[in-house]
Amino acid sequence: MSRNSMTTLGPRPPHRTPETTKTPLMRKLNFPWWLLPALAGLFFLNLNGFLLFDHDEGAFSEATRGMFERGDFITTYLNDRLRFDKPILIYWLQAASIYVFDIEVWAFRLPSALAGILWSLAIFFFARRYLNEATATAAALMAASALGINAIAHVATADAVLNMFLATTLLCIYHYSQSPSNRLLLAIYALMALGTLTKGPVAVAIPLLVACLYYLSSGLKPQLLKALFYFPGWALYLAIAAPWYVLIYLDQGQAFIDGFFLKHNVNRFKNAMEGHDGGLLFYPLVLPFVLAPFGGLLIRILPSIKHIRHGDGGDSDNNGQTLDRFLWIWFLVVLVLFSVASTKLPHYILYGCTPLVILMARYRHWLSSRWLAAVFPTLFFALLAALPSLVPSIEASLTNPIEVAVAQRAAEYINQEFAMLAAGAGVLSLLLIFALRRLAPWLTLVLVGGVQALFVWLVLAPAASEAQQRPVWEAAQFARLLNEPIVTQSIDMPSFNVYLNRVTERRGLEVGEVGYGREDRIDIDHFETLFQSGPIMLVRRLPPPTPTLEAPAQSEVTDE
């Protein structure tokens, strides 16, 4: 890379100097231990402070809870119906958590929060090895405070755990290109197997695509072939991942193949499921907000994509390969793969955010403009401050009774006080960026990330949770007092079962039975309303009305 182009892109951080004089124990003692409570604080922030969100959190949590009720830890059900959405590992992890801590909202979310911490630590140790400790610390803090990463580690779904396994797999794949060993290959295959148990084929597809493109473009074909045909690795992979797949197939047969592989994997790629579609620009547009508040830094590091061809600045390692090339290939594989897929959800791009976090940390000093740093935090908090004024127009556009009721309740929580708090958080963020001149702009964004996390988990998430989930929780508490079997009536809000701590069958009501459902799907003329909050109801089926017998008409008697 020429001196002129280096000036254009910005100053490059110094390469890490190998610490040849330090023992492994001394290096361990050099770990910045303050980083652990910082990461824990960001990922555990108010983890128990808001109700489970339906459908995803409620579905995962109820499927886990139901395993104990049925005594079946192989086949997952949602309520009384088979659930083939995800493999088993996330349910086992959640089951272990609630076994220890009982059925608590935060216990269902605990595996995700721990995965977030491990994800950030993996980034730290990788960046410290190949860059330096300052960059590694910056990368870990950016990962933990980025909106999308922090959010996915706050919810009781499989995605944080999968991202942790994907990230560690790919970081090990790069490490293998620099320091090949059979032990490392075994670790890679084990991580892919755990990812496969978490969310399926994506845990293998992405690492293989990235590895093939990187190794072949870097002249490492022999190493790639050895890794791909390393039979002890595949044997370990099968030993970890295959048993559950075999057991579930033996239990459910073709229904599992159709439900899991065809519907929730192949069909998600080919067709937009549940209305989650978008154009080719969907992910480039949402990415700065997924990595908020680091959108400005993300834009600033884009010129480093040149290194995908030329290496990082002309300096290469012993094999002539570059870290930047690997990181950009990793991100672009994810971007292209999910941009062409039909089903698009914002969190899918998180599979490619780990390399961006490392690149942002590495080239953090390229962000010199505080105005650019302030753009995305300003947009984020301005949008939140405007949200109360948008709620009425949002409500007017809705037709689903549940969504209408949520919008109506949202007005109680997303109100003028909410707007003032959002505006205050925005002003505080701008003060941090512009007033703390002694701190580099990237470091002020880390502080803004802390402000952002406080607002999201102490204000936004509880408000959204109260608006959407409070009637469901109240209905479950009322149902517990009844101490009667409950039958679900055409509603898909499974957090009710979690709070009730009981499976509820989905079927029609018999006379005298209690049902849980939506007002618009219950013929209230034939039911007694026991409880109602918004459109959420508990009703009892009444016996049919007794027919009224009319007195027979008397015939006229005539005298002849």
Protein backbone atom coordinates (compact mmCIF):
# COMPACT_ATOMS: atom_id res chain seq x y z
CA MET A 1 0.00 0.00 0.00
CA SER A 2 1.39 3.39 -0.92
CA ARG A 3 2.08 6.15 1.55
CA ASN A 4 -0.48 8.37 -0.19
CA SER A 5 -3.25 5.79 0.07
CA MET A 6 -2.41 5.26 3.74
CA THR A 7 -2.83 8.99 4.33
CA THR A 8 -6.17 8.92 2.55
CA LEU A 9 -7.53 6.08 4.63
CA GLY A 10 -6.18 7.30 7.94
CA PRO A 11 -3.48 6.19 10.36
CA ARG A 12 -3.02 2.47 10.78
CA PRO A 13 -2.72 1.11 14.29
CA PRO A 14 0.59 -0.51 15.07
CA HIS A 15 0.92 -4.25 14.54
CA ARG A 16 1.08 -6.38 17.62
CA THR A 17 4.60 -7.22 18.73
CA PRO A 18 4.89 -10.84 19.90
CA GLU A 19 5.48 -11.04 23.63
CA THR A 20 8.16 -13.67 23.48
CA THR A 21 9.46 -13.02 26.97
CA LYS A 22 6.15 -13.58 28.77
CA THR A 23 4.92 -16.94 29.97
CA PRO A 24 1.29 -17.97 29.42
CA LEU A 25 0.63 -17.40 33.12
CA MET A 26 1.95 -13.85 32.91
CA ARG A 27 -0.17 -13.19 29.86
CA LYS A 28 -3.23 -14.39 31.76
CA LEU A 29 -2.40 -12.00 34.56
CA ASN A 30 -2.32 -9.20 31.99
CA PHE A 31 -6.01 -9.69 31.23
CA PRO A 32 -7.90 -6.45 32.01
CA TRP A 33 -10.14 -7.91 34.68
CA TRP A 34 -12.30 -4.80 34.81
CA LEU A 35 -13.56 -5.86 31.38
CA LEU A 36 -15.53 -8.78 32.84
CA PRO A 37 -17.83 -6.69 35.05
CA ALA A 38 -18.18 -4.18 32.21
CA LEU A 39 -19.36 -6.90 29.83
CA ALA A 40 -21.58 -8.47 32.49
CA GLY A 41 -23.12 -5.08 33.27
CA LEU A 42 -24.02 -4.53 29.60
CA PHE A 43 -25.36 -8.02 28.94
CA PHE A 44 -27.18 -8.53 32.25
CA LEU A 45 -28.67 -5.04 32.40
CA ASN A 46 -32.28 -5.37 33.65
CA LEU A 47 -32.50 -8.92 32.32
CA ASN A 48 -35.49 -9.57 34.59
CA GLY A 49 -37.07 -6.15 34.15
CA PHE A 50 -39.58 -6.89 31.38
CA LEU A 51 -41.94 -9.71 30.46
CA LEU A 52 -41.27 -12.34 27.81
CA PHE A 53 -42.10 -11.12 24.33
CA ASP A 54 -44.39 -13.23 22.16
CA HIS A 55 -44.03 -14.95 19.83
CA ASP A 56 -40.31 -15.83 19.87
CA GLU A 57 -39.37 -15.56 23.55
CA GLY A 58 -42.67 -17.06 24.62
CA ALA A 59 -42.31 -19.94 22.15
CA PHE A 60 -38.75 -20.85 23.17
CA SER A 61 -39.54 -20.53 26.87
CA GLU A 62 -42.76 -22.55 26.74
CA ALA A 63 -41.11 -25.29 24.67
CA THR A 64 -38.39 -25.51 27.32
CA ARG A 65 -40.80 -25.43 30.26
CA GLY A 66 -43.00 -28.08 28.63
CA MET A 67 -40.07 -30.50 28.46
CA PHE A 68 -40.19 -30.84 32.24
CA GLU A 69 -43.97 -31.28 32.30
CA ARG A 70 -43.82 -34.06 29.70
CA GLY A 71 -40.55 -35.59 30.86
CA ASP A 72 -39.40 -35.53 27.21
CA PHE A 73 -36.07 -33.80 26.52
CA ILE A 74 -35.72 -34.96 22.90
CA THR A 75 -38.89 -33.77 21.14
CA THR A 76 -39.98 -30.16 21.64
CA TYR A 77 -43.58 -29.02 21.66
CA LEU A 78 -45.17 -25.61 21.67
CA ASN A 79 -48.12 -26.05 23.95
CA ASP A 80 -49.58 -29.36 22.69
CA ARG A 81 -48.17 -29.18 19.14
CA LEU A 82 -44.83 -30.29 17.77
CA ARG A 83 -42.25 -27.53 17.35
CA PHE A 84 -39.59 -28.12 14.71
CA ASP A 85 -38.34 -24.51 14.40
CA LYS A 86 -34.94 -25.04 16.05
CA PRO A 87 -32.72 -27.93 17.19
CA ILE A 88 -32.37 -28.94 20.80
CA LEU A 89 -29.32 -27.22 22.34
CA ILE A 90 -30.94 -23.90 23.23
CA TYR A 91 -33.75 -25.77 24.98
CA TRP A 92 -31.27 -27.86 26.93
CA LEU A 93 -29.41 -24.73 27.99
CA GLN A 94 -32.60 -22.99 29.06
CA ALA A 95 -33.73 -26.17 30.81
CA ALA A 96 -30.50 -26.28 32.81
CA SER A 97 -31.00 -22.64 33.76
CA ILE A 98 -34.58 -22.98 34.99
CA TYR A 99 -33.72 -26.26 36.73
CA VAL A 100 -31.21 -24.32 38.83
CA PHE A 101 -33.01 -20.97 39.15
CA ASP A 102 -36.66 -22.01 38.72
CA ILE A 103 -39.11 -20.56 36.20
CA GLU A 104 -38.02 -16.91 36.08
CA VAL A 105 -37.96 -14.58 33.09
CA TRP A 106 -34.26 -13.90 33.54
CA ALA A 107 -33.45 -17.62 33.81
CA PHE A 108 -34.81 -18.23 30.30
CA ARG A 109 -32.63 -15.37 29.05
CA LEU A 110 -29.53 -16.38 30.98
CA PRO A 111 -28.00 -18.63 28.24
CA SER A 112 -28.26 -15.75 25.75
CA ALA A 113 -26.60 -13.29 28.13
CA LEU A 114 -23.77 -15.72 28.90
CA ALA A 115 -23.35 -16.35 25.16
CA GLY A 116 -23.02 -12.59 24.66
CA ILE A 117 -20.21 -12.44 27.21
CA LEU A 118 -18.41 -15.43 25.68
CA TRP A 119 -18.87 -13.93 22.20
CA SER A 120 -17.25 -10.66 23.30
CA LEU A 121 -14.43 -12.48 25.10
CA ALA A 122 -13.72 -14.57 21.99
CA ILE A 123 -13.37 -11.32 20.03
CA PHE A 124 -11.06 -9.95 22.73
CA PHE A 125 -8.68 -12.91 22.80
CA PHE A 126 -8.58 -13.16 19.01
CA ALA A 127 -7.90 -9.44 18.53
CA ARG A 128 -5.28 -9.46 21.26
CA ARG A 129 -3.44 -12.31 19.57
CA TYR A 130 -3.42 -10.80 16.08
CA LEU A 131 -3.50 -7.07 16.88
CA ASN A 132 -2.89 -5.73 20.38
CA GLU A 133 -4.56 -5.52 23.75
CA ALA A 134 -5.86 -1.97 23.32
CA THR A 135 -7.58 -2.94 20.09
CA ALA A 136 -8.89 -6.14 21.68
CA THR A 137 -10.40 -4.20 24.58
CA ALA A 138 -11.99 -1.72 22.19
CA ALA A 139 -13.45 -4.57 20.11
CA ALA A 140 -14.97 -6.32 23.14
CA LEU A 141 -16.55 -3.08 24.38
CA MET A 142 -17.91 -2.26 20.93
CA ALA A 143 -19.42 -5.72 20.61
CA ALA A 144 -21.10 -5.54 24.00
CA SER A 145 -22.50 -2.03 23.49
CA ALA A 146 -23.62 -2.38 19.85
CA LEU A 147 -27.41 -2.36 19.78
CA GLY A 148 -28.00 -5.55 17.79
CA ILE A 149 -25.47 -7.69 19.65
CA ASN A 150 -26.57 -6.40 23.04
CA ALA A 151 -30.24 -6.88 22.16
CA ILE A 152 -29.94 -10.45 20.86
CA ALA A 153 -28.16 -11.40 24.10
CA HIS A 154 -31.10 -10.02 26.11
CA VAL A 155 -33.76 -12.31 24.65
CA ALA A 156 -34.62 -15.97 25.24
CA THR A 157 -33.99 -17.26 21.71
CA ALA A 158 -31.29 -19.33 20.00
CA ASP A 159 -29.61 -16.49 18.13
CA ALA A 160 -27.05 -15.26 20.67
CA VAL A 161 -25.85 -18.82 21.29
CA LEU A 162 -25.62 -19.50 17.55
CA ASN A 163 -23.71 -16.26 16.95
CA MET A 164 -21.25 -17.17 19.70
CA PHE A 165 -20.59 -20.56 18.08
CA LEU A 166 -20.39 -19.08 14.56
CA ALA A 167 -17.98 -16.36 15.67
CA THR A 168 -15.67 -18.74 17.55
CA THR A 169 -15.74 -21.22 14.65
CA LEU A 170 -14.67 -18.60 12.12
CA LEU A 171 -12.08 -17.03 14.39
CA CYS A 172 -10.57 -20.50 14.83
CA ILE A 173 -10.64 -21.01 11.05
CA TYR A 174 -8.46 -17.92 10.62
CA HIS A 175 -6.23 -19.06 13.47
CA TYR A 176 -5.79 -22.40 11.72
CA SER A 177 -4.56 -20.62 8.58
CA GLN A 178 -1.81 -19.04 10.68
CA SER A 179 -1.02 -21.88 13.08
CA PRO A 180 -2.39 -25.16 11.72
CA SER A 181 -2.80 -28.06 14.12
CA ASN A 182 -5.01 -31.12 14.42
CA ARG A 183 -6.16 -29.99 17.85
CA LEU A 184 -7.44 -26.74 16.34
CA LEU A 185 -9.25 -28.66 13.58
CA LEU A 186 -11.00 -30.75 16.21
CA ALA A 187 -12.07 -27.56 17.99
CA ILE A 188 -13.48 -26.15 14.73
CA TYR A 189 -15.52 -29.29 14.05
CA ALA A 190 -16.77 -29.40 17.64
CA LEU A 191 -17.90 -25.76 17.45
CA MET A 192 -19.69 -26.39 14.15
CA ALA A 193 -21.43 -29.38 15.72
CA LEU A 194 -22.63 -27.30 18.68
CA GLY A 195 -23.84 -24.64 16.25
CA THR A 196 -25.69 -27.32 14.29
CA LEU A 197 -27.38 -28.40 17.51
CA THR A 198 -28.34 -24.77 18.10
CA LYS A 199 -29.81 -23.72 14.75
CA GLY A 200 -29.04 -26.26 12.07
CA PRO A 201 -27.15 -26.23 8.75
CA VAL A 202 -26.31 -22.51 8.84
CA ALA A 203 -23.62 -23.30 11.45
CA VAL A 204 -21.77 -25.33 8.79
CA ALA A 205 -22.73 -23.48 5.61
CA ILE A 206 -21.34 -20.06 6.58
CA PRO A 207 -17.97 -21.29 7.95
CA LEU A 208 -17.43 -23.54 4.91
CA LEU A 209 -18.25 -20.76 2.43
CA VAL A 210 -15.97 -18.29 4.20
CA ALA A 211 -13.15 -20.82 4.59
CA CYS A 212 -13.26 -21.90 0.94
CA LEU A 213 -13.23 -18.34 -0.41
CA TYR A 214 -10.51 -17.19 1.97
CA TYR A 215 -8.20 -20.18 1.69
CA LEU A 216 -8.50 -20.48 -2.09
CA SER A 217 -8.01 -16.74 -2.65
CA SER A 218 -4.99 -16.84 -0.35
CA GLY A 219 -3.19 -19.76 -1.97
CA LEU A 220 -3.96 -22.14 0.89
CA LYS A 221 -5.60 -24.92 -1.09
CA PRO A 222 -3.57 -27.76 0.55
CA GLN A 223 -4.52 -26.56 4.04
CA LEU A 224 -8.16 -26.25 2.96
CA LEU A 225 -8.27 -29.78 1.53
CA LYS A 226 -6.68 -31.18 4.66
CA ALA A 227 -9.24 -29.41 6.82
CA LEU A 228 -12.20 -30.43 4.65
CA PHE A 229 -11.17 -34.08 4.55
CA TYR A 230 -10.03 -34.36 8.15
CA PHE A 231 -12.04 -37.46 9.02
CA PRO A 232 -11.42 -37.36 12.81
CA GLY A 233 -13.00 -33.90 12.72
CA TRP A 234 -16.08 -35.12 10.87
CA ALA A 235 -16.27 -38.10 13.23
CA LEU A 236 -16.26 -35.71 16.20
CA TYR A 237 -18.85 -33.53 14.46
CA LEU A 238 -21.16 -36.49 13.99
CA ALA A 239 -20.56 -37.76 17.52
CA ILE A 240 -21.75 -34.41 18.92
CA ALA A 241 -24.46 -33.36 16.47
CA ALA A 242 -25.89 -36.59 15.04
CA PRO A 243 -27.36 -38.38 18.09
CA TRP A 244 -30.18 -35.89 18.66
CA TYR A 245 -31.02 -35.71 14.94
CA VAL A 246 -31.19 -39.50 14.79
CA LEU A 247 -33.34 -39.72 17.92
CA ILE A 248 -35.79 -37.04 16.77
CA TYR A 249 -36.06 -38.68 13.35
CA LEU A 250 -36.74 -42.07 14.94
CA ASP A 251 -39.40 -40.41 17.08
CA GLN A 252 -41.09 -38.22 14.45
CA GLY A 253 -39.96 -39.58 11.07
CA GLN A 254 -40.72 -37.60 7.92
CA ALA A 255 -42.60 -34.96 9.90
CA PHE A 256 -39.26 -33.78 11.31
CA ILE A 257 -37.63 -33.66 7.87
CA ASP A 258 -40.56 -31.69 6.45
CA GLY A 259 -40.90 -29.36 9.43
CA PHE A 260 -37.27 -28.62 10.23
CA PHE A 261 -35.18 -29.01 7.08
CA LEU A 262 -37.74 -28.18 4.40
CA LYS A 263 -39.96 -25.60 6.10
CA HIS A 264 -37.62 -23.79 8.48
CA ASN A 265 -34.41 -23.97 6.43
CA VAL A 266 -34.99 -24.47 2.69
CA ASN A 267 -38.30 -22.61 2.61
CA ARG A 268 -36.95 -19.65 4.62
CA PHE A 269 -34.29 -19.17 1.96
CA LYS A 270 -36.63 -19.59 -1.02
CA ASN A 271 -39.75 -17.83 0.27
CA ALA A 272 -40.43 -14.88 2.56
CA MET A 273 -41.93 -16.48 5.65
CA GLU A 274 -44.40 -14.62 7.87
CA GLY A 275 -44.10 -11.48 5.72
CA HIS A 276 -40.40 -10.96 6.53
CA ASP A 277 -39.19 -9.81 3.13
CA GLY A 278 -37.13 -6.89 1.84
CA GLY A 279 -35.06 -5.74 -1.08
CA LEU A 280 -31.37 -6.18 -1.79
CA LEU A 281 -30.60 -2.99 0.17
CA PHE A 282 -32.38 -4.16 3.32
CA TYR A 283 -29.25 -5.15 5.23
CA PRO A 284 -27.01 -2.22 4.15
CA LEU A 285 -29.76 0.11 5.36
CA VAL A 286 -30.33 -1.57 8.74
CA LEU A 287 -26.67 -2.38 9.46
CA PRO A 288 -25.68 1.06 10.89
CA PHE A 289 -28.55 0.75 13.36
CA VAL A 290 -27.78 -2.88 14.20
CA LEU A 291 -24.28 -1.64 15.12
CA ALA A 292 -25.56 1.57 16.73
CA PRO A 293 -24.10 3.83 18.00
CA PHE A 294 -21.11 2.99 15.78
CA GLY A 295 -22.72 3.81 12.42
CA GLY A 296 -20.32 6.68 11.77
CA LEU A 297 -17.30 4.52 12.53
CA LEU A 298 -18.71 1.79 10.28
CA ILE A 299 -18.90 4.23 7.39
CA ARG A 300 -15.37 5.47 8.09
CA ILE A 301 -13.79 2.00 7.93
CA LEU A 302 -15.39 1.08 4.59
CA PRO A 303 -12.25 2.06 2.58
CA SER A 304 -10.40 -0.78 4.30
CA ILE A 305 -12.29 -3.14 2.00
CA LYS A 306 -9.44 -2.46 -0.43
CA HIS A 307 -7.39 -4.79 1.71
CA ILE A 308 -9.47 -7.71 0.48
CA ARG A 309 -7.19 -7.65 -2.55
CA HIS A 310 -4.06 -5.84 -1.45
CA GLY A 311 -3.64 -7.02 2.13
CA ASP A 312 -3.42 -4.69 5.11
CA GLY A 313 -1.13 -1.96 4.04
CA GLY A 314 1.39 -4.12 2.28
CA ASP A 315 2.45 -5.86 5.48
CA SER A 316 1.68 -9.57 5.48
CA ASP A 317 2.23 -12.45 7.82
CA ASN A 318 4.48 -15.46 7.10
CA ASN A 319 2.03 -17.00 4.61
CA GLY A 320 1.28 -13.76 2.81
CA GLN A 321 -2.30 -13.68 4.10
CA THR A 322 -4.02 -10.78 5.77
CA LEU A 323 -6.48 -10.46 8.57
CA ASP A 324 -8.49 -7.80 6.77
CA ARG A 325 -9.05 -10.03 3.77
CA PHE A 326 -10.49 -12.74 5.97
CA LEU A 327 -12.72 -10.32 7.90
CA TRP A 328 -14.13 -8.71 4.78
CA ILE A 329 -14.75 -12.08 3.08
CA TRP A 330 -16.58 -13.23 6.20
CA PHE A 331 -18.84 -10.18 6.25
CA LEU A 332 -19.51 -10.17 2.49
CA VAL A 333 -20.44 -13.86 2.46
CA VAL A 334 -23.09 -13.19 5.11
CA LEU A 335 -24.29 -10.00 3.40
CA VAL A 336 -24.68 -11.60 -0.03
CA LEU A 337 -26.12 -14.87 1.28
CA PHE A 338 -28.89 -13.25 3.29
CA SER A 339 -29.53 -10.45 0.81
CA VAL A 340 -30.48 -12.99 -1.85
CA ALA A 341 -32.51 -15.07 0.63
CA SER A 342 -36.23 -14.35 0.57
CA THR A 343 -36.82 -14.23 4.33
CA LYS A 344 -35.11 -11.19 5.83
CA LEU A 345 -34.88 -10.39 9.52
CA PRO A 346 -32.54 -7.72 10.95
CA HIS A 347 -30.77 -10.14 13.29
CA TYR A 348 -29.58 -12.36 10.41
CA ILE A 349 -26.90 -9.78 9.59
CA LEU A 350 -25.45 -10.34 13.07
CA TYR A 351 -23.76 -13.43 11.63
CA GLY A 352 -21.48 -11.00 9.82
CA CYS A 353 -21.06 -8.35 12.51
CA THR A 354 -18.13 -9.94 14.38
CA PRO A 355 -15.63 -9.12 11.58
CA LEU A 356 -17.00 -5.57 11.35
CA VAL A 357 -16.52 -5.09 15.09
CA ILE A 358 -12.88 -6.18 14.82
CA LEU A 359 -12.33 -3.91 11.82
CA MET A 360 -13.95 -0.96 13.62
CA ALA A 361 -11.73 -1.54 16.63
CA ARG A 362 -8.63 -1.90 14.49
CA TYR A 363 -9.26 1.29 12.53
CA ARG A 364 -11.05 3.17 15.30
CA HIS A 365 -8.70 6.13 14.99
CA TRP A 366 -9.90 6.74 11.43
CA LEU A 367 -13.00 8.30 12.96
CA SER A 368 -11.80 11.85 13.56
CA SER A 369 -15.03 13.78 12.90
CA ARG A 370 -17.22 14.15 15.95
CA TRP A 371 -20.04 15.30 13.68
CA LEU A 372 -19.98 12.00 11.84
CA ALA A 373 -19.83 10.17 15.16
CA ALA A 374 -22.94 12.05 16.30
CA VAL A 375 -25.14 11.36 13.24
CA PHE A 376 -26.52 7.94 14.14
CA PRO A 377 -26.98 8.49 17.90
CA THR A 378 -28.89 11.66 16.99
CA LEU A 379 -31.11 9.78 14.52
CA PHE A 380 -31.68 6.94 16.97
CA PHE A 381 -32.78 9.06 19.92
CA ALA A 382 -34.68 11.53 17.72
CA LEU A 383 -36.74 8.66 16.36
CA LEU A 384 -37.45 7.40 19.87
CA ALA A 385 -38.37 10.90 21.05
CA ALA A 386 -40.83 11.17 18.13
CA LEU A 387 -42.34 7.74 18.80
CA PRO A 388 -45.19 8.96 21.06
CA SER A 389 -46.46 11.23 18.30
CA LEU A 390 -46.27 8.34 15.81
CA VAL A 391 -48.29 5.87 17.90
CA PRO A 392 -51.75 7.21 16.85
CA SER A 393 -50.94 6.97 13.13
CA ILE A 394 -49.48 3.50 13.67
CA GLU A 395 -52.65 2.43 15.46
CA ALA A 396 -54.80 3.79 12.62
CA SER A 397 -52.97 1.58 10.12
CA LEU A 398 -53.54 -1.66 12.07
CA THR A 399 -56.37 -4.16 11.70
CA ASN A 400 -55.32 -7.08 13.92
CA PRO A 401 -57.15 -6.65 17.27
CA ILE A 402 -54.09 -7.72 19.25
CA GLU A 403 -51.91 -5.17 17.45
CA VAL A 404 -54.56 -2.45 17.86
CA ALA A 405 -54.79 -3.17 21.58
CA VAL A 406 -51.00 -3.08 21.89
CA ALA A 407 -50.90 0.31 20.15
CA GLN A 408 -53.62 1.63 22.45
CA ARG A 409 -51.80 0.43 25.54
CA ALA A 410 -48.52 1.73 24.14
CA ALA A 411 -49.88 5.26 24.37
CA GLU A 412 -49.95 4.82 28.17
CA TYR A 413 -46.25 4.02 28.35
CA ILE A 414 -44.76 5.63 25.24
CA ASN A 415 -45.90 9.08 26.24
CA GLN A 416 -44.55 12.55 26.88
CA GLU A 417 -42.34 11.33 29.73
CA PHE A 418 -40.91 8.67 27.38
CA ALA A 419 -40.19 11.36 24.77
CA MET A 420 -38.44 13.55 27.35
CA LEU A 421 -36.27 10.66 28.51
CA ALA A 422 -35.34 9.84 24.91
CA ALA A 423 -34.52 13.47 24.20
CA GLY A 424 -32.48 13.65 27.40
CA ALA A 425 -30.54 10.52 26.45
CA GLY A 426 -29.89 12.06 23.03
CA VAL A 427 -28.62 15.31 24.54
CA LEU A 428 -26.40 13.40 26.97
CA SER A 429 -24.98 11.41 24.05
CA LEU A 430 -24.14 14.59 22.15
CA LEU A 431 -22.50 16.05 25.25
CA LEU A 432 -20.34 12.95 25.60
CA ILE A 433 -19.29 13.18 21.95
CA PHE A 434 -18.60 16.91 21.78
CA ALA A 435 -17.68 17.88 25.36
CA LEU A 436 -15.21 15.09 26.17
CA ARG A 437 -12.53 16.39 23.82
CA ARG A 438 -9.81 14.51 25.64
CA LEU A 439 -11.40 11.23 24.56
CA ALA A 440 -11.14 9.95 21.01
CA PRO A 441 -14.48 9.99 19.13
CA TRP A 442 -14.65 6.18 19.04
CA LEU A 443 -14.31 6.04 22.84
CA THR A 444 -17.11 8.56 23.31
CA LEU A 445 -19.27 6.26 21.17
CA VAL A 446 -18.58 3.41 23.60
CA LEU A 447 -19.91 5.68 26.37
CA VAL A 448 -22.90 6.53 24.18
CA GLY A 449 -23.43 2.79 23.81
CA GLY A 450 -23.76 2.61 27.58
CA VAL A 451 -26.36 5.41 27.55
CA GLN A 452 -28.16 3.63 24.72
CA ALA A 453 -28.22 0.35 26.66
CA LEU A 454 -29.59 2.07 29.77
CA PHE A 455 -32.42 3.65 27.78
CA VAL A 456 -33.27 0.51 25.82
CA TRP A 457 -33.40 -1.84 28.81
CA LEU A 458 -34.69 0.51 31.50
CA VAL A 459 -37.20 2.49 29.42
CA LEU A 460 -37.92 1.16 25.93
CA ALA A 461 -38.09 -2.60 26.55
CA PRO A 462 -40.23 -2.31 29.73
CA ALA A 463 -42.63 0.09 27.94
CA ALA A 464 -42.97 -2.23 24.93
CA SER A 465 -43.35 -5.23 27.23
CA GLU A 466 -46.08 -3.63 29.28
CA ALA A 467 -47.97 -2.62 26.15
CA GLN A 468 -47.80 -6.05 24.52
CA GLN A 469 -47.49 -8.58 27.34
CA ARG A 470 -49.15 -7.26 30.50
CA PRO A 471 -52.68 -8.55 29.61
CA VAL A 472 -51.24 -12.02 28.95
CA TRP A 473 -49.43 -12.06 32.29
CA GLU A 474 -52.54 -10.83 34.13
CA ALA A 475 -54.67 -13.49 32.45
CA ALA A 476 -52.21 -16.19 33.53
CA GLN A 477 -52.27 -14.97 37.14
CA PHE A 478 -56.07 -15.06 37.14
CA ALA A 479 -56.04 -18.55 35.62
CA ARG A 480 -53.70 -19.78 38.35
CA LEU A 481 -56.26 -18.71 40.96
CA LEU A 482 -58.98 -20.69 39.19
CA ASN A 483 -56.93 -23.88 39.52
CA GLU A 484 -58.79 -25.45 36.59
CA PRO A 485 -57.59 -26.87 33.25
CA ILE A 486 -57.33 -24.15 30.60
CA VAL A 487 -57.95 -24.68 26.88
CA THR A 488 -56.30 -22.38 24.32
CA GLN A 489 -58.67 -20.82 21.80
CA SER A 490 -57.11 -19.67 18.50
CA ILE A 491 -54.38 -17.49 19.99
CA ASP A 492 -50.62 -17.63 19.60
CA MET A 493 -49.15 -16.00 22.71
CA PRO A 494 -47.38 -18.90 24.44
CA SER A 495 -45.92 -16.84 27.27
CA PHE A 496 -49.34 -17.42 28.91
CA ASN A 497 -48.38 -21.06 29.41
CA VAL A 498 -45.02 -20.08 30.91
CA TYR A 499 -46.67 -17.86 33.52
CA LEU A 500 -49.42 -20.43 34.11
CA ASN A 501 -46.75 -23.17 34.30
CA ARG A 502 -49.01 -25.62 32.50
CA VAL A 503 -49.66 -26.96 29.01
CA THR A 504 -53.03 -25.86 27.62
CA GLU A 505 -54.62 -27.91 24.87
CA ARG A 506 -55.69 -26.26 21.62
CA ARG A 507 -59.24 -27.40 20.88
CA GLY A 508 -62.85 -26.42 21.18
CA LEU A 509 -64.34 -25.90 24.62
CA GLU A 510 -66.68 -28.37 26.24
CA VAL A 511 -69.48 -27.12 28.47
CA GLY A 512 -68.11 -25.79 31.75
CA GLU A 513 -64.47 -25.60 30.57
CA VAL A 514 -62.36 -22.45 30.75
CA GLY A 515 -60.71 -21.11 27.61
CA TYR A 516 -57.96 -18.54 26.95
CA GLY A 517 -58.25 -16.56 23.73
CA ARG A 518 -58.86 -13.36 21.79
CA GLU A 519 -62.08 -11.41 21.97
CA ASP A 520 -62.44 -11.34 18.16
CA ARG A 521 -62.21 -15.16 17.98
CA ILE A 522 -64.65 -16.06 20.74
CA ASP A 523 -68.42 -16.04 20.33
CA ILE A 524 -69.14 -14.30 23.61
CA ASP A 525 -72.88 -14.98 23.33
CA HIS A 526 -72.22 -18.58 24.33
CA PHE A 527 -69.59 -17.92 27.01
CA GLU A 528 -69.31 -16.35 30.43
CA THR A 529 -66.47 -13.82 30.62
CA LEU A 530 -64.28 -14.55 33.64
CA PHE A 531 -61.44 -12.13 32.88
CA GLN A 532 -60.64 -9.59 30.20
CA SER A 533 -57.74 -7.20 29.63
CA GLY A 534 -57.84 -5.59 26.21
CA PRO A 535 -58.62 -8.37 23.72
CA ILE A 536 -57.25 -11.12 26.00
CA MET A 537 -60.02 -13.11 27.63
CA LEU A 538 -60.70 -16.05 29.92
CA VAL A 539 -64.16 -17.47 29.35
CA ARG A 540 -66.28 -20.40 30.49
CA ARG A 541 -68.42 -22.33 28.01
CA LEU A 542 -72.07 -22.13 28.96
CA PRO A 543 -74.55 -24.94 28.44
CA PRO A 544 -76.88 -24.43 25.52
CA PRO A 545 -80.03 -22.57 26.39
CA THR A 546 -82.93 -24.78 27.40
CA PRO A 547 -85.65 -24.72 24.73
CA THR A 548 -88.80 -22.99 25.84
CA LEU A 549 -91.87 -25.16 25.37
CA GLU A 550 -94.88 -23.22 24.11
CA ALA A 551 -98.34 -24.15 25.45
CA PRO A 552 -100.41 -25.95 22.82
CA ALA A 553 -103.09 -23.83 21.25
CA GLN A 554 -106.56 -24.70 22.49
CA SER A 555 -108.99 -25.71 19.81
CA GLU A 556 -112.18 -23.83 19.58
CA VAL A 557 -115.25 -25.67 20.81
CA THR A 558 -118.47 -24.96 18.96
CA ASP A 559 -121.89 -25.97 19.79
CA GLU A 560 -123.74 -27.73 17.11
